[in-house]
Amino acid sequence: MPNTIDWPDLLARLAEPFPAEHVKWRAGSVSKDKRKAIALAYAEPRAYEDRLNALCPGNWHVDFQPWGDDRIICRLTIHHVTRSSTGESGDSHPTVAGTSAEAQAFKRACSKFGLGRYLYDLPTTWVAYDPTTKRLLETPRLRTQPQATAPHSQAQPGRSEQFEAQEPIGAARAAAMHAELTRLGLPRKHHYNFASEVLNITITSFAKLREAEAKAVWTKAIERSRQRPAAA
C-alpha cells in the first residue's frame, strides 16, 4: 500500500530557511558611483540536495535536458510530482558555463516546490562594493523571519543572548525533531505552537532553533508524553 504524502506539511518543511551559514552573497545591481551594490543571497546546490535528502530520502530525482546553445531544462520530481525550470550560463567563464546553467536550473526547479524561494523575497540591501574585484565588501545581516510571523514581539525578548550566540540546529536535525515530537504523540500541525509556548517566543522554523532551545522543547515534550496516561 503506497504511503500517503502530506503535501502541505512537506511543502512547509521544504520551504523552511536554510541555516545561515549555508547562505552566501553576491553583487547584483551596482550604483552609479560603483561604490555600492545590491547584495543577492544564494545557496549552493548542495544545500538544496541536503534538504531533499533529509525530507524525501530516495523519493526525488532530477533530469536535465539541453535547450538551445546555452540553456538547460531541469525537471525535479518529488514523490512522482514533477516541476521544471530553466537555467542559463549568463556571464560565467566558458569552463564552468554548463555547471552554472545546471545549478541555476536545479535551484529554480526547487523553488517551484518552495525550496529556497524565501531567498528571492529578502529585503533589498545595498552594501559597500569593490568595482575592481567585483566583490561585496560587507556581509548583510540575514533576516529570514518577516514581522508578520512574530505578532507578539518584534524583538523576541524571550530569546536570551546565550541562545543567540549558538548556531542553529539546521534542517536535518529539525526534520528529526519533527519526527520525534510526532512519535511522542504531538500532531505535526501543533509543533510550532508547542515550541512557542515552551520558549515564550514565536517559532516558525525548527531549523533556526539553537541547541539549548531545541533541548528545552524536547524535554517538555517528553514530560508531556509521560503525563498523558495519567490524565487519560
C-alpha atoms as a PDB file:
ATOM      1  CA  MET A   1       0.000   0.000   0.000  1.00  0.00           C
ATOM      2  CA  PRO A   2       1.606   3.316  -1.050  1.00  0.00           C
ATOM      3  CA  ASN A   3       2.375   5.896   1.578  1.00  0.00           C
ATOM      4  CA  THR A   4       0.105   8.925   1.710  1.00  0.00           C
ATOM      5  CA  ILE A   5       2.066  12.134   1.307  1.00  0.00           C
ATOM      6  CA  ASP A   6       1.044  15.055   3.494  1.00  0.00           C
ATOM      7  CA  TRP A   7       1.863  17.672   0.857  1.00  0.00           C
ATOM      8  CA  PRO A   8       1.050  20.797   2.923  1.00  0.00           C
ATOM      9  CA  ASP A   9       3.373  19.569   5.649  1.00  0.00           C
ATOM     10  CA  LEU A  10       6.129  18.522   3.232  1.00  0.00           C
ATOM     11  CA  LEU A  11       5.994  21.787   1.303  1.00  0.00           C
ATOM     12  CA  ALA A  12       6.134  23.776   4.538  1.00  0.00           C
ATOM     13  CA  ARG A  13       9.216  21.859   5.649  1.00  0.00           C
ATOM     14  CA  LEU A  14      10.892  22.197   2.247  1.00  0.00           C
ATOM     15  CA  ALA A  15      10.303  25.953   2.361  1.00  0.00           C
ATOM     16  CA  GLU A  16      11.991  26.447   5.739  1.00  0.00           C
ATOM     17  CA  PRO A  17      15.009  28.796   5.542  1.00  0.00           C
ATOM     18  CA  PHE A  18      18.462  27.296   5.191  1.00  0.00           C
ATOM     19  CA  PRO A  19      20.872  27.553   8.124  1.00  0.00           C
ATOM     20  CA  ALA A  20      22.501  30.992   7.971  1.00  0.00           C
ATOM     21  CA  GLU A  21      25.960  29.513   7.379  1.00  0.00           C
ATOM     22  CA  HIS A  22      24.760  27.994   4.096  1.00  0.00           C
ATOM     23  CA  VAL A  23      23.701  31.353   2.657  1.00  0.00           C
ATOM     24  CA  LYS A  24      26.218  33.278   0.576  1.00  0.00           C
ATOM     25  CA  TRP A  25      26.108  36.688  -1.089  1.00  0.00           C
ATOM     26  CA  ARG A  26      26.997  38.114  -4.488  1.00  0.00           C
ATOM     27  CA  ALA A  27      26.718  41.528  -6.071  1.00  0.00           C
ATOM     28  CA  GLY A  28      23.653  42.480  -8.075  1.00  0.00           C
ATOM     29  CA  SER A  29      22.941  45.926  -9.492  1.00  0.00           C
ATOM     30  CA  VAL A  30      25.723  48.445  -8.900  1.00  0.00           C
ATOM     31  CA  SER A  31      25.229  52.125  -8.023  1.00  0.00           C
ATOM     32  CA  LYS A  32      26.255  54.861 -10.474  1.00  0.00           C
ATOM     33  CA  ASP A  33      29.397  55.662  -8.499  1.00  0.00           C
ATOM     34  CA  LYS A  34      30.183  51.930  -8.335  1.00  0.00           C
ATOM     35  CA  ARG A  35      30.734  52.114  -4.597  1.00  0.00           C
ATOM     36  CA  LYS A  36      27.652  50.146  -3.583  1.00  0.00           C
ATOM     37  CA  ALA A  37      25.830  47.117  -4.902  1.00  0.00           C
ATOM     38  CA  ILE A  38      22.676  45.194  -4.082  1.00  0.00           C
ATOM     39  CA  ALA A  39      23.550  42.084  -2.088  1.00  0.00           C
ATOM     40  CA  LEU A  40      21.869  38.993  -3.536  1.00  0.00           C
ATOM     41  CA  ALA A  41      21.576  35.946  -1.282  1.00  0.00           C
ATOM     42  CA  TYR A  42      22.041  32.437  -2.632  1.00  0.00           C
ATOM     43  CA  ALA A  43      22.883  28.916  -1.521  1.00  0.00           C
ATOM     44  CA  GLU A  44      24.925  26.259  -3.275  1.00  0.00           C
ATOM     45  CA  PRO A  45      23.082  23.306  -4.877  1.00  0.00           C
ATOM     46  CA  ARG A  46      24.399  21.064  -2.099  1.00  0.00           C
ATOM     47  CA  ALA A  47      22.210  22.875   0.445  1.00  0.00           C
ATOM     48  CA  TYR A  48      19.168  22.093  -1.691  1.00  0.00           C
ATOM     49  CA  GLU A  49      20.260  18.483  -2.119  1.00  0.00           C
ATOM     50  CA  ASP A  50      20.784  18.085   1.629  1.00  0.00           C
ATOM     51  CA  ARG A  51      17.266  19.372   2.321  1.00  0.00           C
ATOM     52  CA  LEU A  52      15.760  16.976  -0.254  1.00  0.00           C
ATOM     53  CA  ASN A  53      17.772  14.066   1.135  1.00  0.00           C
ATOM     54  CA  ALA A  54      16.640  14.885   4.677  1.00  0.00           C
ATOM     55  CA  LEU A  55      12.940  15.209   3.874  1.00  0.00           C
ATOM     56  CA  CYS A  56      12.498  12.985   0.793  1.00  0.00           C
ATOM     57  CA  PRO A  57      15.193  10.298   1.019  1.00  0.00           C
ATOM     58  CA  GLY A  58      15.047   8.082  -2.061  1.00  0.00           C
ATOM     59  CA  ASN A  59      11.949   9.873  -3.330  1.00  0.00           C
ATOM     60  CA  TRP A  60      13.367  12.631  -5.501  1.00  0.00           C
ATOM     61  CA  HIS A  61      15.380  12.823  -8.701  1.00  0.00           C
ATOM     62  CA  VAL A  62      16.286  15.294 -11.440  1.00  0.00           C
ATOM     63  CA  ASP A  63      16.551  15.102 -15.208  1.00  0.00           C
ATOM     64  CA  PHE A  64      18.474  17.652 -17.270  1.00  0.00           C
ATOM     65  CA  GLN A  65      17.946  18.446 -20.933  1.00  0.00           C
ATOM     66  CA  PRO A  66      19.836  20.942 -23.125  1.00  0.00           C
ATOM     67  CA  TRP A  67      17.780  23.812 -24.506  1.00  0.00           C
ATOM     68  CA  GLY A  68      19.421  25.807 -27.249  1.00  0.00           C
ATOM     69  CA  ASP A  69      23.101  26.688 -27.080  1.00  0.00           C
ATOM     70  CA  ASP A  70      23.412  27.920 -23.505  1.00  0.00           C
ATOM     71  CA  ARG A  71      20.343  26.852 -21.555  1.00  0.00           C
ATOM     72  CA  ILE A  72      19.367  23.741 -19.597  1.00  0.00           C
ATOM     73  CA  ILE A  73      15.965  22.456 -18.536  1.00  0.00           C
ATOM     74  CA  CYS A  74      15.788  20.786 -15.127  1.00  0.00           C
ATOM     75  CA  ARG A  75      12.866  18.560 -14.195  1.00  0.00           C
ATOM     76  CA  LEU A  76      12.702  17.873 -10.467  1.00  0.00           C
ATOM     77  CA  THR A  77      10.452  15.039  -9.345  1.00  0.00           C
ATOM     78  CA  ILE A  78       9.433  14.578  -5.708  1.00  0.00           C
ATOM     79  CA  HIS A  79       7.153  11.648  -4.876  1.00  0.00           C
ATOM     80  CA  HIS A  80       6.128  11.354  -8.568  1.00  0.00           C
ATOM     81  CA  VAL A  81       5.236  15.058  -8.860  1.00  0.00           C
ATOM     82  CA  THR A  82       7.391  16.975 -11.348  1.00  0.00           C
ATOM     83  CA  ARG A  83       8.178  20.667 -11.606  1.00  0.00           C
ATOM     84  CA  SER A  84      10.593  22.163 -14.133  1.00  0.00           C
ATOM     85  CA  SER A  85      12.535  25.326 -14.848  1.00  0.00           C
ATOM     86  CA  THR A  86      15.476  26.527 -16.913  1.00  0.00           C
ATOM     87  CA  GLY A  87      18.937  27.907 -16.287  1.00  0.00           C
ATOM     88  CA  GLU A  88      21.483  29.715 -18.401  1.00  0.00           C
ATOM     89  CA  SER A  89      25.227  30.196 -18.246  1.00  0.00           C
ATOM     90  CA  GLY A  90      24.996  34.007 -18.131  1.00  0.00           C
ATOM     91  CA  ASP A  91      28.413  35.637 -17.880  1.00  0.00           C
ATOM     92  CA  SER A  92      30.079  32.567 -16.373  1.00  0.00           C
ATOM     93  CA  HIS A  93      33.514  31.553 -17.628  1.00  0.00           C
ATOM     94  CA  PRO A  94      33.235  29.087 -20.549  1.00  0.00           C
ATOM     95  CA  THR A  95      34.899  26.345 -18.495  1.00  0.00           C
ATOM     96  CA  VAL A  96      32.072  26.394 -15.931  1.00  0.00           C
ATOM     97  CA  ALA A  97      29.206  27.643 -18.104  1.00  0.00           C
ATOM     98  CA  GLY A  98      27.483  24.254 -18.181  1.00  0.00           C
ATOM     99  CA  THR A  99      27.798  23.776 -14.440  1.00  0.00           C
ATOM    100  CA  SER A 100      26.399  27.257 -13.784  1.00  0.00           C
ATOM    101  CA  ALA A 101      23.415  26.674 -16.068  1.00  0.00           C
ATOM    102  CA  GLU A 102      22.715  23.304 -14.437  1.00  0.00           C
ATOM    103  CA  ALA A 103      22.903  24.737 -10.910  1.00  0.00           C
ATOM    104  CA  GLN A 104      20.604  27.627 -11.784  1.00  0.00           C
ATOM    105  CA  ALA A 105      18.057  25.347 -13.439  1.00  0.00           C
ATOM    106  CA  PHE A 106      18.099  22.973 -10.464  1.00  0.00           C
ATOM    107  CA  LYS A 107      17.602  25.708  -7.882  1.00  0.00           C
ATOM    108  CA  ARG A 108      14.823  27.315  -9.912  1.00  0.00           C
ATOM    109  CA  ALA A 109      13.046  23.953 -10.192  1.00  0.00           C
ATOM    110  CA  CYS A 110      13.445  23.511  -6.422  1.00  0.00           C
ATOM    111  CA  SER A 111      11.782  26.879  -5.862  1.00  0.00           C
ATOM    112  CA  LYS A 112       8.671  25.538  -7.598  1.00  0.00           C
ATOM    113  CA  PHE A 113       8.295  23.319  -4.514  1.00  0.00           C
ATOM    114  CA  GLY A 114       9.059  26.280  -2.221  1.00  0.00           C
ATOM    115  CA  LEU A 115      12.643  25.211  -1.529  1.00  0.00           C
ATOM    116  CA  GLY A 116      14.872  28.283  -1.279  1.00  0.00           C
ATOM    117  CA  ARG A 117      12.124  30.571  -2.531  1.00  0.00           C
ATOM    118  CA  TYR A 118      12.436  32.846   0.503  1.00  0.00           C
ATOM    119  CA  LEU A 119      15.849  33.948  -0.803  1.00  0.00           C
ATOM    120  CA  TYR A 120      14.076  35.790  -3.616  1.00  0.00           C
ATOM    121  CA  ASP A 121      11.916  37.668  -1.110  1.00  0.00           C
ATOM    122  CA  LEU A 122      14.612  39.070   1.168  1.00  0.00           C
ATOM    123  CA  PRO A 123      14.637  42.870   1.516  1.00  0.00           C
ATOM    124  CA  THR A 124      16.787  44.820  -0.946  1.00  0.00           C
ATOM    125  CA  THR A 125      20.060  45.718   0.758  1.00  0.00           C
ATOM    126  CA  TRP A 126      22.797  47.985  -0.609  1.00  0.00           C
ATOM    127  CA  VAL A 127      26.308  47.366   0.723  1.00  0.00           C
ATOM    128  CA  ALA A 128      29.839  48.600   0.030  1.00  0.00           C
ATOM    129  CA  TYR A 129      31.280  47.252  -3.233  1.00  0.00           C
ATOM    130  CA  ASP A 130      34.744  46.959  -4.794  1.00  0.00           C
ATOM    131  CA  PRO A 131      34.463  47.576  -8.570  1.00  0.00           C
ATOM    132  CA  THR A 132      37.980  46.263  -9.147  1.00  0.00           C
ATOM    133  CA  THR A 133      37.388  42.802  -7.716  1.00  0.00           C
ATOM    134  CA  LYS A 134      33.616  42.991  -8.305  1.00  0.00           C
ATOM    135  CA  ARG A 135      33.052  41.752  -4.770  1.00  0.00           C
ATOM    136  CA  LEU A 136      30.953  42.919  -1.856  1.00  0.00           C
ATOM    137  CA  LEU A 137      32.882  44.493   1.000  1.00  0.00           C
ATOM    138  CA  GLU A 138      30.190  43.802   3.585  1.00  0.00           C
ATOM    139  CA  THR A 139      28.061  40.804   4.535  1.00  0.00           C
ATOM    140  CA  PRO A 140      24.412  41.748   5.141  1.00  0.00           C
ATOM    141  CA  ARG A 141      22.652  40.577   8.282  1.00  0.00           C
ATOM    142  CA  LEU A 142      20.337  37.818   7.152  1.00  0.00           C
ATOM    143  CA  ARG A 143      16.725  38.386   8.149  1.00  0.00           C
ATOM    144  CA  THR A 144      14.537  35.459   7.145  1.00  0.00           C
ATOM    145  CA  GLN A 145      11.593  35.883   9.506  1.00  0.00           C
ATOM    146  CA  PRO A 146       9.066  38.541   8.391  1.00  0.00           C
ATOM    147  CA  GLN A 147       7.470  40.736  11.026  1.00  0.00           C
ATOM    148  CA  ALA A 148       4.092  39.134  10.320  1.00  0.00           C
ATOM    149  CA  THR A 149       5.298  35.820  11.748  1.00  0.00           C
ATOM    150  CA  ALA A 150       6.058  37.318  15.152  1.00  0.00           C
ATOM    151  CA  PRO A 151       2.938  39.241  16.153  1.00  0.00           C
ATOM    152  CA  HIS A 152       3.562  39.032  19.893  1.00  0.00           C
ATOM    153  CA  SER A 153       7.025  40.562  19.964  1.00  0.00           C
ATOM    154  CA  GLN A 154       9.055  42.177  17.215  1.00  0.00           C
ATOM    155  CA  ALA A 155      12.260  41.978  19.218  1.00  0.00           C
ATOM    156  CA  GLN A 156      11.529  38.468  20.576  1.00  0.00           C
ATOM    157  CA  PRO A 157      12.709  39.302  24.137  1.00  0.00           C
ATOM    158  CA  GLY A 158      12.284  35.689  25.258  1.00  0.00           C
ATOM    159  CA  ARG A 159      15.399  34.643  23.367  1.00  0.00           C
ATOM    160  CA  SER A 160      18.433  35.212  25.577  1.00  0.00           C
ATOM    161  CA  GLU A 161      21.880  36.324  24.445  1.00  0.00           C
ATOM    162  CA  GLN A 162      23.106  32.835  25.297  1.00  0.00           C
ATOM    163  CA  PHE A 163      20.712  31.330  22.759  1.00  0.00           C
ATOM    164  CA  GLU A 164      21.582  33.943  20.129  1.00  0.00           C
ATOM    165  CA  ALA A 165      25.268  33.055  20.395  1.00  0.00           C
ATOM    166  CA  GLN A 166      24.651  29.407  19.489  1.00  0.00           C
ATOM    167  CA  GLU A 167      24.441  28.016  15.953  1.00  0.00           C
ATOM    168  CA  PRO A 168      21.013  26.890  14.650  1.00  0.00           C
ATOM    169  CA  ILE A 169      20.442  23.134  14.651  1.00  0.00           C
ATOM    170  CA  GLY A 170      19.822  23.054  10.881  1.00  0.00           C
ATOM    171  CA  ALA A 171      17.364  21.373   8.534  1.00  0.00           C
ATOM    172  CA  ALA A 172      18.350  17.739   9.075  1.00  0.00           C
ATOM    173  CA  ARG A 173      18.015  17.890  12.862  1.00  0.00           C
ATOM    174  CA  ALA A 174      14.840  19.945  12.511  1.00  0.00           C
ATOM    175  CA  ALA A 175      13.291  17.173  10.417  1.00  0.00           C
ATOM    176  CA  ALA A 176      14.353  14.587  13.011  1.00  0.00           C
ATOM    177  CA  MET A 177      12.885  16.742  15.778  1.00  0.00           C
ATOM    178  CA  HIS A 178       9.545  16.927  13.985  1.00  0.00           C
ATOM    179  CA  ALA A 179       9.569  13.130  13.625  1.00  0.00           C
ATOM    180  CA  GLU A 180      10.327  12.575  17.310  1.00  0.00           C
ATOM    181  CA  LEU A 181       7.668  15.002  18.531  1.00  0.00           C
ATOM    182  CA  THR A 182       5.134  13.233  16.334  1.00  0.00           C
ATOM    183  CA  ARG A 183       6.253   9.890  17.776  1.00  0.00           C
ATOM    184  CA  LEU A 184       5.676  11.297  21.260  1.00  0.00           C
ATOM    185  CA  GLY A 185       2.060  11.979  20.361  1.00  0.00           C
ATOM    186  CA  LEU A 186       2.187  15.658  19.387  1.00  0.00           C
ATOM    187  CA  PRO A 187       0.499  16.239  15.976  1.00  0.00           C
ATOM    188  CA  ARG A 188       2.734  17.909  13.393  1.00  0.00           C
ATOM    189  CA  LYS A 189       0.384  20.884  12.996  1.00  0.00           C
ATOM    190  CA  HIS A 190       0.864  21.738  16.693  1.00  0.00           C
ATOM    191  CA  HIS A 191       4.675  21.562  16.780  1.00  0.00           C
ATOM    192  CA  TYR A 192       5.387  25.266  16.312  1.00  0.00           C
ATOM    193  CA  ASN A 193       2.678  26.362  18.730  1.00  0.00           C
ATOM    194  CA  PHE A 194       4.038  23.953  21.329  1.00  0.00           C
ATOM    195  CA  ALA A 195       7.608  25.198  20.877  1.00  0.00           C
ATOM    196  CA  SER A 196       6.424  28.806  21.012  1.00  0.00           C
ATOM    197  CA  GLU A 197       4.699  28.190  24.354  1.00  0.00           C
ATOM    198  CA  VAL A 198       7.749  26.420  25.794  1.00  0.00           C
ATOM    199  CA  LEU A 199      10.224  29.125  24.736  1.00  0.00           C
ATOM    200  CA  ASN A 200       7.891  32.112  25.101  1.00  0.00           C
ATOM    201  CA  ILE A 201       8.739  33.362  21.595  1.00  0.00           C
ATOM    202  CA  THR A 202       7.123  32.840  18.195  1.00  0.00           C
ATOM    203  CA  ILE A 203       8.658  29.805  16.464  1.00  0.00           C
ATOM    204  CA  THR A 204       8.103  29.280  12.724  1.00  0.00           C
ATOM    205  CA  SER A 205      11.069  27.023  11.943  1.00  0.00           C
ATOM    206  CA  PHE A 206      12.813  24.338  13.967  1.00  0.00           C
ATOM    207  CA  ALA A 207      15.891  24.693  11.741  1.00  0.00           C
ATOM    208  CA  LYS A 208      16.554  28.079  13.344  1.00  0.00           C
ATOM    209  CA  LEU A 209      16.389  26.794  16.930  1.00  0.00           C
ATOM    210  CA  ARG A 210      19.571  26.885  18.990  1.00  0.00           C
ATOM    211  CA  GLU A 211      20.806  23.794  20.822  1.00  0.00           C
ATOM    212  CA  ALA A 212      19.528  24.910  24.217  1.00  0.00           C
ATOM    213  CA  GLU A 213      16.141  25.853  22.772  1.00  0.00           C
ATOM    214  CA  ALA A 214      15.762  22.508  20.997  1.00  0.00           C
ATOM    215  CA  LYS A 215      16.685  20.701  24.223  1.00  0.00           C
ATOM    216  CA  ALA A 216      14.094  22.702  26.188  1.00  0.00           C
ATOM    217  CA  VAL A 217      11.347  21.825  23.685  1.00  0.00           C
ATOM    218  CA  TRP A 218      12.395  18.162  23.631  1.00  0.00           C
ATOM    219  CA  THR A 219      12.450  17.934  27.444  1.00  0.00           C
ATOM    220  CA  LYS A 220       8.993  19.469  27.707  1.00  0.00           C
ATOM    221  CA  ALA A 221       7.668  17.112  25.034  1.00  0.00           C
ATOM    222  CA  ILE A 222       8.923  14.106  26.995  1.00  0.00           C
ATOM    223  CA  GLU A 223       7.293  15.427  30.178  1.00  0.00           C
ATOM    224  CA  ARG A 224       4.053  15.911  28.251  1.00  0.00           C
ATOM    225  CA  SER A 225       4.135  12.353  26.895  1.00  0.00           C
ATOM    226  CA  ARG A 226       4.675  10.923  30.381  1.00  0.00           C
ATOM    227  CA  GLN A 227       1.756  12.881  31.792  1.00  0.00           C
ATOM    228  CA  ARG A 228      -0.727  11.819  29.127  1.00  0.00           C
ATOM    229  CA  PRO A 229      -1.569   8.325  30.513  1.00  0.00           C
ATOM    230  CA  ALA A 230      -2.220   9.751  33.995  1.00  0.00           C
ATOM    231  CA  ALA A 231      -4.544  12.382  32.562  1.00  0.00           C
ATOM    232  CA  ALA A 232      -6.490   9.870  30.455  1.00  0.00           C
END
